Amino acid sequence: MDPITIRWNRTILPTAPGDDTIVCCLTDDGQPVALLLDDEHREALGLQLIDPDGE
């Protein structure tokens, strides 16, 4: 099974502190998809976006 490609639609829904962050995305055919990130995953993703080489 091939992975589904999703693209960020530049929307992040605000949540209460300690709740999952909801990142709104779309599939290639325009279907909505939500990426849920807890505190640990949000921080890890943010660090990868800022410094992908980990330096």
N, C-alpha and C. Protein backbone atom coordinates (compact mmCIF):
# COMPACT_ATOMS: atom_id res chain seq x y z
N MET A 1 0.84 -1.18 0.00
CA MET A 1 0.00 0.00 0.00
C MET A 1 0.89 1.25 0.00
N ASP A 2 0.62 2.15 -0.90
CA ASP A 2 1.38 3.40 -0.99
C ASP A 2 0.93 4.37 0.10
N PRO A 3 1.86 5.15 0.64
CA PRO A 3 1.47 6.16 1.63
C PRO A 3 0.63 7.26 0.98
N ILE A 4 -0.22 7.87 1.77
CA ILE A 4 -1.03 9.00 1.31
C ILE A 4 -0.20 10.27 1.44
N THR A 5 -0.11 11.04 0.39
CA THR A 5 0.59 12.31 0.42
C THR A 5 -0.38 13.39 0.89
N ILE A 6 0.04 14.14 1.91
CA ILE A 6 -0.78 15.26 2.38
C ILE A 6 0.06 16.52 2.35
N ARG A 7 -0.62 17.63 2.21
CA ARG A 7 0.06 18.93 2.19
C ARG A 7 -0.62 19.86 3.21
N TRP A 8 0.22 20.59 3.93
CA TRP A 8 -0.27 21.52 4.92
C TRP A 8 -1.03 22.64 4.21
N ASN A 9 -2.24 22.95 4.70
CA ASN A 9 -3.01 24.03 4.07
C ASN A 9 -2.84 25.36 4.81
N ARG A 10 -1.77 25.45 5.59
CA ARG A 10 -1.38 26.67 6.33
C ARG A 10 -2.33 27.03 7.46
N THR A 11 -3.05 26.01 7.97
CA THR A 11 -3.94 26.24 9.11
C THR A 11 -3.51 25.36 10.27
N ILE A 12 -3.41 25.97 11.44
CA ILE A 12 -3.18 25.24 12.68
C ILE A 12 -4.26 25.72 13.64
N LEU A 13 -5.07 24.78 14.13
CA LEU A 13 -6.17 25.16 15.01
C LEU A 13 -5.66 25.35 16.42
N PRO A 14 -6.03 26.46 17.05
CA PRO A 14 -5.59 26.69 18.42
C PRO A 14 -6.23 25.68 19.37
N THR A 15 -5.46 25.27 20.34
CA THR A 15 -5.96 24.35 21.36
C THR A 15 -5.53 24.86 22.72
N ALA A 16 -6.12 24.31 23.75
CA ALA A 16 -5.76 24.69 25.12
C ALA A 16 -4.37 24.14 25.44
N PRO A 17 -3.63 24.81 26.33
CA PRO A 17 -2.31 24.30 26.72
C PRO A 17 -2.41 22.85 27.19
N GLY A 18 -1.47 22.02 26.71
CA GLY A 18 -1.47 20.61 27.08
C GLY A 18 -2.28 19.73 26.16
N ASP A 19 -3.12 20.32 25.30
CA ASP A 19 -3.90 19.54 24.34
C ASP A 19 -3.07 19.31 23.08
N ASP A 20 -3.52 18.37 22.25
CA ASP A 20 -2.87 18.13 20.97
C ASP A 20 -3.04 19.36 20.08
N THR A 21 -2.03 19.63 19.26
CA THR A 21 -2.12 20.66 18.24
C THR A 21 -2.71 20.02 16.99
N ILE A 22 -3.66 20.67 16.35
CA ILE A 22 -4.30 20.14 15.16
C ILE A 22 -3.76 20.91 13.95
N VAL A 23 -3.06 20.19 13.08
CA VAL A 23 -2.50 20.78 11.86
C VAL A 23 -3.38 20.32 10.70
N CYS A 24 -4.03 21.26 10.05
CA CYS A 24 -4.96 20.93 8.96
C CYS A 24 -4.19 20.74 7.66
N CYS A 25 -4.49 19.64 6.96
CA CYS A 25 -3.81 19.30 5.72
C CYS A 25 -4.85 18.86 4.69
N LEU A 26 -4.39 18.70 3.45
CA LEU A 26 -5.24 18.20 2.37
C LEU A 26 -4.49 17.10 1.63
N THR A 27 -5.23 16.09 1.17
CA THR A 27 -4.65 15.06 0.31
C THR A 27 -4.52 15.64 -1.09
N ASP A 28 -3.84 14.90 -1.96
CA ASP A 28 -3.67 15.37 -3.35
C ASP A 28 -5.00 15.59 -4.06
N ASP A 29 -6.05 14.84 -3.64
CA ASP A 29 -7.36 15.02 -4.29
C ASP A 29 -8.27 15.96 -3.50
N GLY A 30 -7.71 16.71 -2.53
CA GLY A 30 -8.46 17.75 -1.84
C GLY A 30 -9.24 17.32 -0.61
N GLN A 31 -9.05 16.08 -0.16
CA GLN A 31 -9.75 15.62 1.04
C GLN A 31 -9.05 16.17 2.29
N PRO A 32 -9.81 16.66 3.29
CA PRO A 32 -9.20 17.19 4.50
C PRO A 32 -8.63 16.07 5.37
N VAL A 33 -7.49 16.36 5.98
CA VAL A 33 -6.83 15.43 6.89
C VAL A 33 -6.30 16.25 8.06
N ALA A 34 -6.40 15.70 9.26
CA ALA A 34 -5.86 16.40 10.44
C ALA A 34 -4.66 15.63 10.97
N LEU A 35 -3.58 16.34 11.21
CA LEU A 35 -2.39 15.79 11.84
C LEU A 35 -2.42 16.26 13.29
N LEU A 36 -2.51 15.32 14.24
CA LEU A 36 -2.56 15.66 15.66
C LEU A 36 -1.18 15.49 16.26
N LEU A 37 -0.67 16.53 16.90
CA LEU A 37 0.65 16.50 17.50
C LEU A 37 0.56 16.78 18.99
N ASP A 38 1.08 15.87 19.83
CA ASP A 38 1.15 16.16 21.25
C ASP A 38 2.38 17.06 21.48
N ASP A 39 2.62 17.46 22.73
CA ASP A 39 3.73 18.38 23.02
C ASP A 39 5.07 17.86 22.51
N GLU A 40 5.34 16.58 22.74
CA GLU A 40 6.62 15.99 22.35
C GLU A 40 6.79 15.98 20.83
N HIS A 41 5.75 15.58 20.11
CA HIS A 41 5.83 15.52 18.65
C HIS A 41 5.85 16.91 18.02
N ARG A 42 5.12 17.85 18.62
CA ARG A 42 5.14 19.23 18.11
C ARG A 42 6.54 19.82 18.22
N GLU A 43 7.20 19.59 19.36
CA GLU A 43 8.55 20.09 19.56
C GLU A 43 9.53 19.41 18.59
N ALA A 44 9.41 18.10 18.41
CA ALA A 44 10.30 17.37 17.51
C ALA A 44 10.14 17.86 16.08
N LEU A 45 8.91 18.05 15.64
CA LEU A 45 8.66 18.53 14.28
C LEU A 45 9.20 19.95 14.12
N GLY A 46 8.96 20.79 15.11
CA GLY A 46 9.46 22.16 15.05
C GLY A 46 10.98 22.21 14.95
N LEU A 47 11.66 21.36 15.72
CA LEU A 47 13.12 21.32 15.66
C LEU A 47 13.60 20.84 14.29
N GLN A 48 12.91 19.87 13.69
CA GLN A 48 13.28 19.39 12.36
C GLN A 48 13.09 20.48 11.30
N LEU A 49 12.03 21.30 11.46
CA LEU A 49 11.81 22.37 10.49
C LEU A 49 12.84 23.49 10.63
N ILE A 50 13.25 23.76 11.86
CA ILE A 50 14.23 24.84 12.11
C ILE A 50 15.64 24.40 11.74
N ASP A 51 16.01 23.16 12.12
CA ASP A 51 17.37 22.68 11.90
C ASP A 51 17.33 21.23 11.44
N PRO A 52 17.04 20.99 10.16
CA PRO A 52 16.89 19.61 9.68
C PRO A 52 18.14 18.74 9.82
N ASP A 53 19.32 19.35 9.93
CA ASP A 53 20.56 18.57 10.08
C ASP A 53 20.89 18.28 11.53
N GLY A 54 20.11 18.85 12.47
CA GLY A 54 20.34 18.61 13.88
C GLY A 54 21.63 19.21 14.42
N GLU A 55 22.02 20.31 13.86
CA GLU A 55 23.27 20.96 14.31
C GLU A 55 22.99 22.14 15.20
